[in-house]
Protein backbone atom coordinates (compact mmCIF):
# COMPACT_ATOMS: atom_id res chain seq x y z
CA MET A 1 91.91 52.85 -22.31
CA LEU A 2 88.60 51.36 -21.78
CA ALA A 3 86.55 49.36 -24.23
CA GLN A 4 82.73 48.70 -24.01
CA ASN A 5 81.35 45.19 -25.76
CA SER A 6 78.15 45.79 -26.66
CA ALA A 7 77.76 42.59 -28.50
CA LEU A 8 76.42 40.53 -25.70
CA PRO A 9 73.02 38.99 -25.15
CA LEU A 10 70.71 40.08 -22.60
CA ALA A 11 69.46 38.10 -20.05
CA PRO A 12 65.45 38.22 -18.77
CA ARG A 13 65.29 41.33 -16.03
CA CYS A 14 69.01 42.13 -16.34
CA MET A 15 72.03 43.10 -18.76
CA LYS A 16 75.41 41.69 -18.72
CA ARG A 17 77.99 43.62 -19.68
CA MET A 18 81.66 42.95 -20.30
CA LEU A 19 84.38 45.47 -19.74
CA ILE A 20 88.12 45.19 -20.84
CA LEU A 21 90.53 47.34 -19.24
CA LEU A 22 94.11 47.55 -20.43
CA VAL A 23 96.62 48.19 -17.98
CA PRO A 24 100.38 48.48 -17.62
CA ASN A 25 102.27 45.02 -17.58
CA CYS A 26 105.07 45.38 -15.19
CA GLU A 27 106.80 42.35 -16.68
CA GLU A 28 107.47 44.00 -19.77
CA PRO A 29 107.71 47.56 -19.83
CA GLY A 30 105.99 49.51 -22.71
CA SER A 31 103.21 46.76 -22.72
CA TYR A 32 99.71 46.03 -21.24
CA ARG A 33 97.46 43.20 -20.54
CA ARG A 34 93.46 43.21 -20.34
CA ARG A 35 91.91 42.74 -17.65
CA ARG A 36 88.27 41.46 -18.10
CA GLN A 37 85.55 43.05 -15.43
CA ARG A 38 81.39 42.12 -15.20
CA HIS A 39 78.85 44.63 -14.36
CA TRP A 40 75.26 43.91 -13.86
CA SER A 41 72.76 46.05 -14.53
CA VAL A 42 69.71 45.22 -12.91
CA VAL A 43 65.84 45.91 -14.80
CA THR A 44 63.22 45.90 -11.98
CA GLY A 45 59.23 45.94 -12.08
CA THR A 46 56.31 46.39 -9.33
CA ALA A 47 53.00 44.47 -9.02
CA THR A 48 50.60 44.97 -6.21
CA LEU A 49 49.18 42.09 -3.85
CA THR A 50 45.85 42.54 -2.14
CA VAL A 51 44.81 40.58 0.62
CA THR A 52 41.48 41.56 2.53
CA THR A 53 40.84 39.41 5.77
CA GLY A 54 37.44 37.68 6.48
CA VAL A 55 36.05 34.56 7.93
CA LEU A 56 35.51 32.18 5.44
CA THR A 57 31.40 31.28 5.55
CA GLN A 58 30.38 27.72 7.09
CA ARG A 59 27.04 25.88 5.42
CA ALA A 60 24.84 25.86 8.04
CA LEU A 61 21.39 24.17 8.61
CA ILE A 62 19.00 27.39 9.11
CA ALA A 63 15.19 25.55 8.83
CA ILE A 64 13.52 22.18 7.50
CA THR A 65 10.37 22.57 5.30
CA LEU A 66 8.11 19.35 4.86
CA ILE A 67 6.26 18.47 1.80
CA PRO A 68 3.27 18.35 2.38
CA ALA A 69 2.69 20.77 4.78
CA ALA A 70 -0.78 19.39 5.30
CA GLN A 71 -2.41 16.67 4.83
CA THR A 72 -5.50 14.95 5.58
CA LEU A 73 -6.34 11.10 5.53
CA ASN A 74 -9.81 9.64 5.20
CA SER A 75 -9.66 6.32 6.85
CA LEU A 76 -7.91 4.59 9.06
CA GLY A 77 -4.99 2.49 7.65
CA GLU A 78 -4.89 5.01 4.89
CA THR A 79 -0.70 6.43 4.67
CA ALA A 80 0.72 9.49 3.64
CA GLN A 81 4.56 10.05 2.98
CA PHE A 82 6.27 13.22 4.11
CA ILE A 83 9.80 14.15 3.29
CA ALA A 84 11.80 17.08 4.86
CA ILE A 85 14.05 19.29 2.67
CA GLY A 86 16.64 21.13 4.55
CA THR A 87 17.32 25.36 3.60
CA TYR A 88 21.47 25.97 4.26
CA SER A 89 23.15 29.14 4.34
CA ALA A 90 25.31 28.48 1.89
CA PRO A 91 25.14 26.39 -1.89
CA PRO A 92 23.55 24.06 -2.48
CA THR A 93 20.98 26.30 -0.32
CA THR A 94 18.28 23.55 -0.31
CA GLU A 95 18.64 19.55 0.28
CA ASN A 96 17.00 16.07 1.37
CA LEU A 97 17.36 15.24 4.61
CA ALA A 98 16.77 11.75 4.09
CA GLY A 99 19.53 9.38 4.94
CA ASN A 100 21.40 12.13 6.04
CA PRO A 101 23.34 11.03 9.45
CA ASP A 102 22.85 14.12 11.10
CA PHE A 103 18.62 13.75 11.06
CA GLN A 104 17.01 12.82 14.45
CA GLY A 105 13.83 11.25 12.83
CA TRP A 106 10.33 11.84 13.25
CA VAL A 107 7.57 12.36 15.64
CA SER A 108 3.80 11.90 15.81
CA SER A 109 2.52 14.38 18.87
CA ASP A 110 -0.87 12.17 19.35
CA SER A 111 0.55 8.59 18.28
CA ASP A 112 -3.24 7.24 18.84
CA VAL A 113 -4.04 9.43 15.82
CA ALA A 114 -1.53 8.90 13.50
CA SER A 115 2.16 6.86 13.49
CA ILE A 116 4.92 7.67 11.33
CA ASN A 117 7.93 5.41 10.91
CA SER A 118 11.50 6.28 10.20
CA SER A 119 11.15 7.19 6.78
CA GLY A 120 8.60 9.61 7.12
CA LEU A 121 5.34 6.92 6.29
CA ALA A 122 2.65 8.45 8.46
CA THR A 123 -0.76 5.83 8.91
CA ALA A 124 -3.91 7.18 10.36
CA VAL A 125 -4.84 5.02 14.15
CA GLY A 126 -7.92 6.39 14.98
CA CYS A 127 -10.29 9.34 15.68
CA GLY A 128 -12.93 9.55 18.06
CA THR A 129 -14.46 13.16 16.75
CA SER A 130 -15.27 14.49 13.64
CA SER A 131 -11.87 15.59 12.95
CA CYS A 132 -8.11 14.98 14.75
CA ASN A 133 -4.66 16.61 13.89
CA THR A 134 -1.51 15.69 15.09
CA THR A 135 1.45 17.41 14.52
CA ILE A 136 4.44 16.00 12.61
CA THR A 137 8.00 16.85 13.23
CA ALA A 138 11.20 16.19 11.99
CA SER A 139 14.28 17.33 13.77
CA TYR A 140 18.13 17.84 12.63
CA LEU A 141 21.12 17.81 15.07
CA ASP A 142 23.26 20.43 12.55
CA PRO A 143 26.91 20.57 13.59
CA ILE A 144 27.06 24.38 13.61
CA SER A 145 23.38 26.01 13.87
CA GLY A 146 22.53 23.16 16.82
CA THR A 147 18.91 21.06 16.59
CA ILE A 148 16.51 22.56 13.55
CA THR A 149 13.16 21.26 13.53
CA GLY A 150 10.07 21.35 11.00
CA THR A 151 6.32 20.61 11.31
CA ALA A 152 3.25 19.67 9.27
CA THR A 153 -0.12 19.06 10.54
CA LEU A 154 -2.16 15.71 9.82
CA THR A 155 -5.61 15.95 9.76
CA VAL A 156 -7.27 12.12 10.20
CA THR A 157 -11.43 11.85 9.57
CA PRO A 158 -13.06 9.74 11.25
CA GLY A 159 -14.14 6.25 9.03
CA SER A 160 -14.11 2.92 8.93
CA PRO A 161 -10.96 0.95 8.00
CA LEU A 162 -9.34 1.47 4.83
CA GLN A 163 -10.60 -1.14 2.11
CA GLN A 164 -7.81 -3.69 1.34
CA ARG A 165 -6.88 -4.08 -2.35
CA ALA A 166 -8.16 -7.35 -3.76
CA LEU A 167 -8.49 -9.12 -6.95
CA SER A 168 -12.26 -9.10 -7.87
CA ALA A 169 -11.80 -10.88 -11.51
CA ILE A 170 -9.42 -12.41 -14.32
CA THR A 171 -9.58 -11.86 -17.28
CA ILE A 172 -8.12 -14.31 -20.29
CA PHE A 173 -7.04 -12.95 -23.67
CA PRO A 174 -7.48 -14.33 -26.34
CA GLY A 175 -11.04 -15.17 -25.13
CA ALA A 176 -13.76 -17.76 -25.51
CA ASN A 177 -13.66 -19.06 -29.41
CA THR A 178 -11.16 -16.61 -30.53
CA GLN A 179 -8.17 -18.88 -30.79
CA THR A 180 -7.56 -21.62 -33.14
CA LEU A 181 -4.37 -23.92 -33.52
CA TYR A 182 -4.67 -25.17 -37.68
CA THR A 183 -1.23 -27.89 -37.05
CA ILE A 184 -0.53 -30.12 -34.35
CA GLY A 185 2.46 -28.75 -32.44
CA GLU A 186 1.20 -25.48 -33.36
CA THR A 187 1.54 -22.79 -30.43
CA SER A 188 -0.57 -19.78 -28.75
CA GLN A 189 -0.12 -17.38 -26.01
CA PHE A 190 -2.62 -16.36 -23.44
CA ILE A 191 -2.17 -13.80 -20.96
CA ALA A 192 -4.38 -12.98 -17.79
CA SER A 193 -5.26 -9.73 -16.46
CA GLY A 194 -6.02 -8.71 -13.03
CA THR A 195 -8.82 -6.30 -12.17
CA TYR A 196 -8.52 -5.43 -8.94
CA THR A 197 -10.31 -3.32 -6.56
CA ALA A 198 -8.14 -0.33 -5.63
CA PRO A 199 -5.72 1.11 -8.05
CA PRO A 200 -3.66 0.35 -9.99
CA THR A 201 -7.12 -1.50 -10.80
CA THR A 202 -5.81 -3.73 -13.56
CA VAL A 203 -2.39 -5.99 -13.66
CA ASP A 204 -0.72 -8.23 -15.83
CA ILE A 205 -0.67 -11.61 -13.50
CA THR A 206 0.16 -14.10 -16.89
CA ASP A 207 3.03 -15.15 -13.88
CA MET A 208 0.90 -15.15 -11.09
CA VAL A 209 -2.04 -17.65 -11.95
CA THR A 210 -1.79 -21.23 -12.36
CA TRP A 211 -3.42 -22.58 -16.02
CA ALA A 212 -4.50 -25.59 -16.96
CA SER A 213 -6.18 -27.06 -19.75
CA ALA A 214 -9.39 -29.32 -19.50
CA ASP A 215 -8.70 -31.41 -22.39
CA THR A 216 -4.52 -32.21 -22.39
CA GLY A 217 -5.50 -34.90 -25.28
CA ILE A 218 -6.73 -31.87 -27.88
CA ALA A 219 -4.16 -29.32 -26.41
CA THR A 220 -1.90 -28.54 -23.48
CA ILE A 221 -0.67 -25.01 -21.89
CA ASN A 222 2.60 -24.23 -19.58
CA SER A 223 2.80 -22.31 -16.76
CA SER A 224 3.82 -19.34 -19.10
CA GLY A 225 0.23 -19.68 -20.58
CA LEU A 226 1.42 -20.97 -24.07
CA THR A 227 -0.49 -23.87 -25.58
CA THR A 228 0.06 -26.46 -27.58
CA ALA A 229 -1.97 -28.28 -30.42
CA VAL A 230 -1.81 -32.53 -29.41
CA ALA A 231 -4.41 -33.51 -31.67
CA CYS A 232 -7.67 -33.63 -33.19
CA GLY A 233 -9.65 -36.96 -33.51
CA GLY A 234 -12.65 -38.64 -33.37
CA THR A 235 -14.70 -35.38 -33.61
CA THR A 236 -15.73 -33.62 -36.38
CA PRO A 237 -13.15 -30.35 -36.28
CA PRO A 238 -12.82 -27.66 -34.79
CA CYS A 239 -12.12 -29.69 -30.97
CA ILE A 240 -11.61 -27.46 -28.34
CA SER A 241 -10.24 -27.65 -24.56
CA ASN A 242 -11.35 -25.21 -21.72
CA ILE A 243 -8.24 -23.07 -20.56
CA THR A 244 -8.74 -21.59 -16.86
CA ALA A 245 -6.53 -19.34 -14.91
CA SER A 246 -6.83 -19.13 -11.45
CA VAL A 247 -5.48 -17.52 -8.12
CA THR A 248 -5.95 -17.49 -4.51
CA ASP A 249 -6.57 -13.63 -3.71
CA PRO A 250 -5.30 -13.21 0.19
CA VAL A 251 -8.51 -10.93 0.54
CA SER A 252 -11.04 -12.20 -2.01
CA GLY A 253 -10.02 -16.06 -2.42
CA PHE A 254 -9.96 -18.11 -4.97
CA ILE A 255 -10.42 -16.51 -8.12
CA VAL A 256 -10.67 -17.88 -11.60
CA GLY A 257 -10.70 -17.11 -15.29
CA THR A 258 -11.61 -19.08 -18.24
CA SER A 259 -11.05 -19.16 -22.30
CA ASN A 260 -11.05 -21.95 -24.94
CA ILE A 261 -8.50 -22.88 -27.71
CA SER A 262 -9.52 -24.67 -30.85
CA VAL A 263 -7.52 -27.44 -32.96
CA ASP A 264 -8.82 -27.82 -36.10
CA THR A 265 -6.66 -29.36 -38.60
CA SER A 266 -8.63 -29.53 -41.52
CA GLY A 267 -7.09 -26.27 -43.09
CA GLY A 268 -8.05 -22.75 -43.78
CA ARG A 269 -5.44 -20.78 -41.95
CA SER A 270 -3.24 -18.35 -42.75
CA GLY A 271 0.33 -19.90 -42.95
CA LEU A 272 1.78 -16.79 -40.67
CA PRO A 273 1.42 -16.50 -37.03
CA SER A 274 -0.98 -14.25 -35.66
CA LEU A 275 -0.32 -11.15 -33.28
CA SER A 276 -3.44 -10.30 -31.36
CA VAL A 277 -3.49 -6.92 -28.96
CA TYR A 278 -5.87 -6.13 -26.54
CA LEU A 279 -6.28 -2.88 -24.71
CA VAL A 280 -7.39 -3.56 -20.95
CA GLY A 281 -8.15 -0.81 -18.27
CA ALA A 282 -10.28 1.87 -16.96
CA GLY A 283 -8.09 3.95 -19.20
CA THR A 284 -8.04 4.63 -22.85
CA GLY A 285 -5.66 4.72 -25.65
CA THR A 286 -4.11 3.47 -29.22
CA VAL A 287 -1.76 0.87 -30.30
CA THR A 288 -0.12 0.67 -33.23
CA SER A 289 2.32 -1.71 -34.71
CA ASN A 290 5.93 -1.16 -36.62
CA PRO A 291 5.42 -3.32 -39.41
CA PRO A 292 1.54 -2.07 -39.91
CA GLY A 293 -0.67 -4.26 -39.39
CA ILE A 294 -1.94 -3.77 -35.80
CA ASN A 295 -4.09 -0.06 -34.83
CA CYS A 296 -6.33 -0.56 -31.90
CA THR A 297 -8.36 2.40 -30.51
CA GLY A 298 -10.46 2.56 -27.55
CA SER A 299 -10.80 0.14 -24.32
CA GLY A 300 -11.37 -2.92 -23.79
CA VAL A 301 -10.97 -3.90 -27.70
CA GLY A 302 -8.87 -5.99 -29.41
CA CYS A 303 -7.10 -6.66 -33.16
CA THR A 304 -5.17 -9.23 -34.58
CA ALA A 305 -2.80 -8.92 -37.44
CA TYR A 306 -0.15 -12.08 -39.01
CA PHE A 307 3.35 -11.28 -39.34
CA PRO A 308 6.04 -13.59 -40.48
CA GLN A 309 7.60 -16.25 -38.56
CA GLY A 310 10.50 -15.39 -36.01
CA SER A 311 9.77 -11.57 -37.06
CA THR A 312 9.89 -8.90 -34.56
CA VAL A 313 7.04 -6.18 -34.15
CA THR A 314 7.90 -3.31 -32.42
CA LEU A 315 4.16 -1.97 -30.38
CA THR A 316 3.88 1.70 -28.89
CA ALA A 317 1.00 2.90 -27.11
CA THR A 318 -0.69 6.13 -27.30
CA ILE A 319 -2.67 7.54 -24.30
CA SER A 320 -5.76 8.84 -24.48
CA SER A 321 -7.38 9.15 -21.18
CA GLY A 322 -5.57 7.89 -18.00
CA THR A 323 -2.04 6.32 -17.23
CA PHE A 324 -0.40 3.54 -19.20
CA ALA A 325 0.84 1.20 -16.99
CA GLY A 326 2.69 -1.22 -19.33
CA TRP A 327 2.36 -4.48 -21.35
CA SER A 328 1.92 -8.53 -20.75
CA ALA A 329 4.92 -9.80 -19.93
CA ASN A 330 5.88 -11.28 -22.92
CA CYS A 331 6.38 -7.87 -25.01
CA THR A 332 9.28 -6.40 -23.44
CA PRO A 333 10.40 -4.26 -21.99
CA ASP A 334 6.37 -5.00 -19.97
CA THR A 335 7.34 -1.37 -18.77
CA GLY A 336 8.37 0.46 -21.37
CA ASN A 337 6.84 2.62 -24.55
CA PRO A 338 7.26 0.72 -27.29
CA CYS A 339 7.94 -3.14 -26.87
CA THR A 340 8.71 -5.65 -28.90
CA VAL A 341 7.45 -9.05 -29.28
CA THR A 342 9.33 -11.74 -31.37
CA MET A 343 6.75 -13.73 -33.80
CA ASN A 344 8.25 -16.97 -32.86
CA THR A 345 4.88 -18.54 -32.03
CA ASN A 346 0.65 -17.01 -32.22
CA GLN A 347 1.13 -14.05 -29.72
CA THR A 348 -1.35 -12.26 -27.50
CA VAL A 349 -0.37 -9.19 -25.96
CA GLY A 350 -2.21 -7.06 -23.36
CA SER A 351 -1.73 -3.00 -23.05
CA ILE A 352 -2.96 -1.45 -19.78
CA PHE A 353 -4.39 1.90 -19.73
CA ASN A 354 -5.42 2.89 -15.77
């Protein structure tokens, strides 16, 4: 007799079945004993795997492009920066080759016309005719494609040596007869703006100059341009001390700018520290403040407002022409826009538009 147990669970991918066999029991005639047998039925499935043979593409340098492809230098000593851009056979397909260990360097075909250094900076050296050319070459040793080069043309026209950038003038802000201190110990910030013969033509040089007060019995000034009222006695107010800012330029020599500071203890002042903003440089623009009070527009102009002691004023510059070159160092960040100044004294801020 054969019996099938169909209640047994199915395992994944196969089905387990249990068979029970009844066989004669030789020890007890007329009786049977059970024998269990296990049978496995395997369930199969198929899948397809496709293999495509080929060769992995290696990334190789195939070309070098120099930027600029052509450049003209109009005076001796003038410089031009070249960069080498590599084109590759696999992504990323373009790359600046500067600093790559396989980059072999820069060469000028005629070093009497122009030289070029290891960073790709070319310098005009000489030219005895109406126009002189030299070929600038950058080379790269690629481990796959070998030596790859790129070229550009550099033209030098004869002329006088490049004029050196020199300081031509110093302007102090606030200007003469515009800043008065009304109490002994009161302070005011002066700034110095330098005018140069070559770009950038206007620069904040407050921390570069030597500051001096002609009469330290009236007011002193420290190395950062901060003046302090000392006294005003023996004369009819106001008492005035001349302020100078000077520096020795390596090209133009000794340059000095002048202004003055007044001390008047007879009263008649605002109880708040003043903020004076001056727009300097060849460009033009507008400077506004938050909280409101400062709104200056143009070039070479200034405006003044009063703010609570210890408060922070945010100044924002908007360009009308030229470029914005930053602020005097007492408005931070001096290279950012906007900047902030703390009204812990009478402050003067320069906004530079070149």
